[in-house]
Amino acid sequence: MFDITQIQEILPHRYPLLLVDRITDMELKKSIKGFKNISISEPAFQGHFPGHPIYPGVLILEGMAQAGGILALKSSDLSEEEMKNKVIYFMSIDKAKFRNPVKPGDRLDYELEVIKMKSTLMMLSGKAYVDGKLTAEAEFKAMIVDK
C-alpha cells in the first residue's frame, strides 16, 4: 500500500528514527497495518544489550505511534500540500504492556484501530506482533499541529 518512499512523503522521520518500513493495509478513519523488519544493524542494539540483543520497548511504541501518525494524517481532510506543513504530536501513551521480546530477524507487525477521532485529535489502540504473537500494546492520543 505504502512503501518506504511514500512513507517518507507523509512522515518527517528519517533514519535512525523512521520505524515503519511498509504500510500493508489502511482504512481511513478506522485502522492501519504496517511493519518494520528488525535487523541486527539497528543502532539500538549497540547498547541494548551487547551479546543479548533486545529491541527496546520504547521503539516498539514509537513505531506504532508512527503508523498511527500516517493514519491520522491520511484520515484528516487536509490536501497533500497542507499535509506538508503539519506534524503529529503524541500527547499520551496509556496502558502500555510488553508481552514478548523482539529480536534481530523478527518482523514487527503494527496494527492500530481508531478509538475516537475529531478533526485534529485522534485516540488509537495499538498492538504489535511477531509471528502472530502479541508483543506489545498501548493506547495513544495524538494531535495534528502546524510545523
Protein backbone atom coordinates (compact mmCIF):
# COMPACT_ATOMS: atom_id res chain seq x y z
CA MET A 1 0.00 0.00 0.00
CA PHE A 2 2.75 2.50 1.03
CA ASP A 3 6.42 1.68 0.59
CA ILE A 4 9.26 3.43 2.42
CA THR A 5 9.49 6.26 -0.15
CA GLN A 6 5.77 7.02 0.18
CA ILE A 7 6.01 6.84 3.99
CA GLN A 8 8.80 9.45 3.88
CA GLU A 9 6.45 11.76 1.95
CA ILE A 10 3.96 11.54 4.85
CA LEU A 11 6.17 11.40 7.96
CA PRO A 12 9.04 13.78 8.76
CA HIS A 13 11.05 11.00 10.49
CA ARG A 14 14.32 9.77 8.98
CA TYR A 15 16.99 7.19 9.84
CA PRO A 16 17.62 6.17 12.58
CA LEU A 17 14.15 7.11 13.86
CA LEU A 18 11.90 6.17 10.95
CA LEU A 19 10.45 2.96 12.39
CA VAL A 20 7.90 1.86 9.78
CA ASP A 21 9.13 0.05 6.66
CA ARG A 22 5.79 -0.51 4.94
CA ILE A 23 2.06 0.07 5.33
CA THR A 24 0.18 -3.01 4.16
CA ASP A 25 -3.44 -2.03 4.83
CA MET A 26 -5.36 1.09 5.77
CA GLU A 27 -8.99 2.01 6.15
CA LEU A 28 -9.24 5.78 6.57
CA LYS A 29 -10.57 6.92 9.94
CA LYS A 30 -10.64 3.27 11.12
CA SER A 31 -7.42 1.24 11.07
CA ILE A 32 -3.91 0.74 9.73
CA LYS A 33 -1.46 -2.16 9.46
CA GLY A 34 2.24 -1.96 8.76
CA PHE A 35 5.56 -3.47 9.73
CA LYS A 36 9.23 -2.94 10.49
CA ASN A 37 11.89 -5.51 9.81
CA ILE A 38 14.21 -5.69 12.82
CA SER A 39 17.85 -6.06 11.81
CA ILE A 40 20.96 -6.58 13.94
CA SER A 41 22.26 -3.36 12.33
CA GLU A 42 19.68 -1.28 14.28
CA PRO A 43 21.63 1.38 16.23
CA ALA A 44 19.81 0.47 19.48
CA PHE A 45 21.46 -2.97 19.55
CA GLN A 46 24.89 -1.43 20.17
CA GLY A 47 23.87 -0.88 23.77
CA HIS A 48 20.60 -2.85 24.25
CA PHE A 49 22.13 -5.32 25.06
CA PRO A 50 25.59 -6.38 23.86
CA GLY A 51 25.59 -10.16 23.42
CA HIS A 52 21.82 -10.32 24.10
CA PRO A 53 20.10 -8.01 21.57
CA ILE A 54 16.55 -7.00 22.53
CA TYR A 55 14.68 -4.31 20.56
CA PRO A 56 13.72 -1.56 23.06
CA GLY A 57 10.05 -1.36 24.05
CA VAL A 58 10.07 2.40 23.65
CA LEU A 59 10.99 1.94 19.96
CA ILE A 60 8.13 -0.54 19.52
CA LEU A 61 5.78 2.15 20.89
CA GLU A 62 7.35 4.78 18.64
CA GLY A 63 6.87 2.54 15.58
CA MET A 64 3.22 2.02 16.45
CA ALA A 65 2.86 5.77 17.01
CA GLN A 66 4.38 6.49 13.57
CA ALA A 67 1.96 4.09 11.89
CA GLY A 68 -0.82 5.85 13.79
CA GLY A 69 0.53 9.19 12.59
CA ILE A 70 0.23 8.03 8.99
CA LEU A 71 -3.38 7.02 9.62
CA ALA A 72 -4.15 10.34 11.34
CA LEU A 73 -2.62 12.48 8.59
CA LYS A 74 -4.18 10.48 5.77
CA SER A 75 -7.57 10.46 7.55
CA SER A 76 -7.54 14.23 8.04
CA ASP A 77 -9.28 16.28 5.39
CA LEU A 78 -6.03 18.03 4.51
CA SER A 79 -4.75 18.37 0.96
CA GLU A 80 -1.32 16.93 0.10
CA GLU A 81 0.04 20.49 0.14
CA GLU A 82 -1.50 21.30 3.56
CA MET A 83 -0.18 18.00 4.95
CA LYS A 84 3.40 19.09 4.22
CA ASN A 85 3.02 21.84 6.83
CA LYS A 86 1.64 19.54 9.52
CA VAL A 87 3.15 17.12 12.01
CA ILE A 88 1.70 14.70 14.57
CA TYR A 89 2.41 15.26 18.26
CA PHE A 90 1.65 12.37 20.57
CA MET A 91 0.02 13.67 23.72
CA SER A 92 -0.21 10.48 25.75
CA ILE A 93 0.57 6.79 25.74
CA ASP A 94 -1.56 4.75 28.13
CA LYS A 95 -1.97 1.09 29.08
CA ALA A 96 1.40 0.14 27.57
CA LYS A 97 2.26 -3.52 28.06
CA PHE A 98 5.15 -5.58 26.78
CA ARG A 99 4.49 -9.29 26.32
CA ASN A 100 7.45 -10.83 24.48
CA PRO A 101 10.93 -9.66 23.49
CA VAL A 102 11.66 -8.58 19.91
CA LYS A 103 14.98 -9.76 18.48
CA PRO A 104 17.04 -9.24 15.33
CA GLY A 105 15.48 -11.08 12.40
CA ASP A 106 11.93 -10.51 13.62
CA ARG A 107 9.28 -8.74 11.58
CA LEU A 108 7.38 -6.41 13.90
CA ASP A 109 3.78 -6.07 12.69
CA TYR A 110 1.83 -3.00 13.81
CA GLU A 111 -1.99 -2.92 13.96
CA LEU A 112 -3.83 0.20 15.10
CA GLU A 113 -7.52 1.00 15.36
CA VAL A 114 -9.24 4.32 15.92
CA ILE A 115 -11.00 4.62 19.27
CA LYS A 116 -12.09 8.22 18.73
CA MET A 117 -11.43 10.88 16.09
CA LYS A 118 -12.26 14.60 15.98
CA SER A 119 -10.78 16.86 13.28
CA THR A 120 -7.17 17.19 14.56
CA LEU A 121 -7.38 14.87 17.59
CA MET A 122 -7.21 11.07 17.48
CA MET A 123 -7.22 8.23 20.03
CA LEU A 124 -5.83 4.90 18.86
CA SER A 125 -5.49 1.39 20.20
CA GLY A 126 -2.26 -0.23 19.02
CA LYS A 127 -0.86 -3.74 19.05
CA ALA A 128 2.46 -5.12 17.84
CA TYR A 129 3.04 -8.73 16.87
CA VAL A 130 5.90 -11.02 15.88
CA ASP A 131 4.83 -14.16 14.01
CA GLY A 132 1.23 -13.57 15.08
CA LYS A 133 2.20 -13.45 18.76
CA LEU A 134 1.29 -10.29 20.72
CA THR A 135 4.47 -8.44 21.65
CA ALA A 136 3.25 -5.05 22.87
CA GLU A 137 0.09 -2.98 23.16
CA ALA A 138 -0.85 0.57 24.12
CA GLU A 139 -3.36 3.37 23.64
CA PHE A 140 -2.20 6.59 22.00
CA LYS A 141 -3.64 10.08 21.89
CA ALA A 142 -2.30 12.37 19.16
CA MET A 143 -2.90 15.78 17.67
CA ILE A 144 -2.16 17.20 14.22
CA VAL A 145 -0.38 20.57 14.57
CA ASP A 146 1.40 23.11 12.36
CA LYS A 147 5.14 22.52 11.88
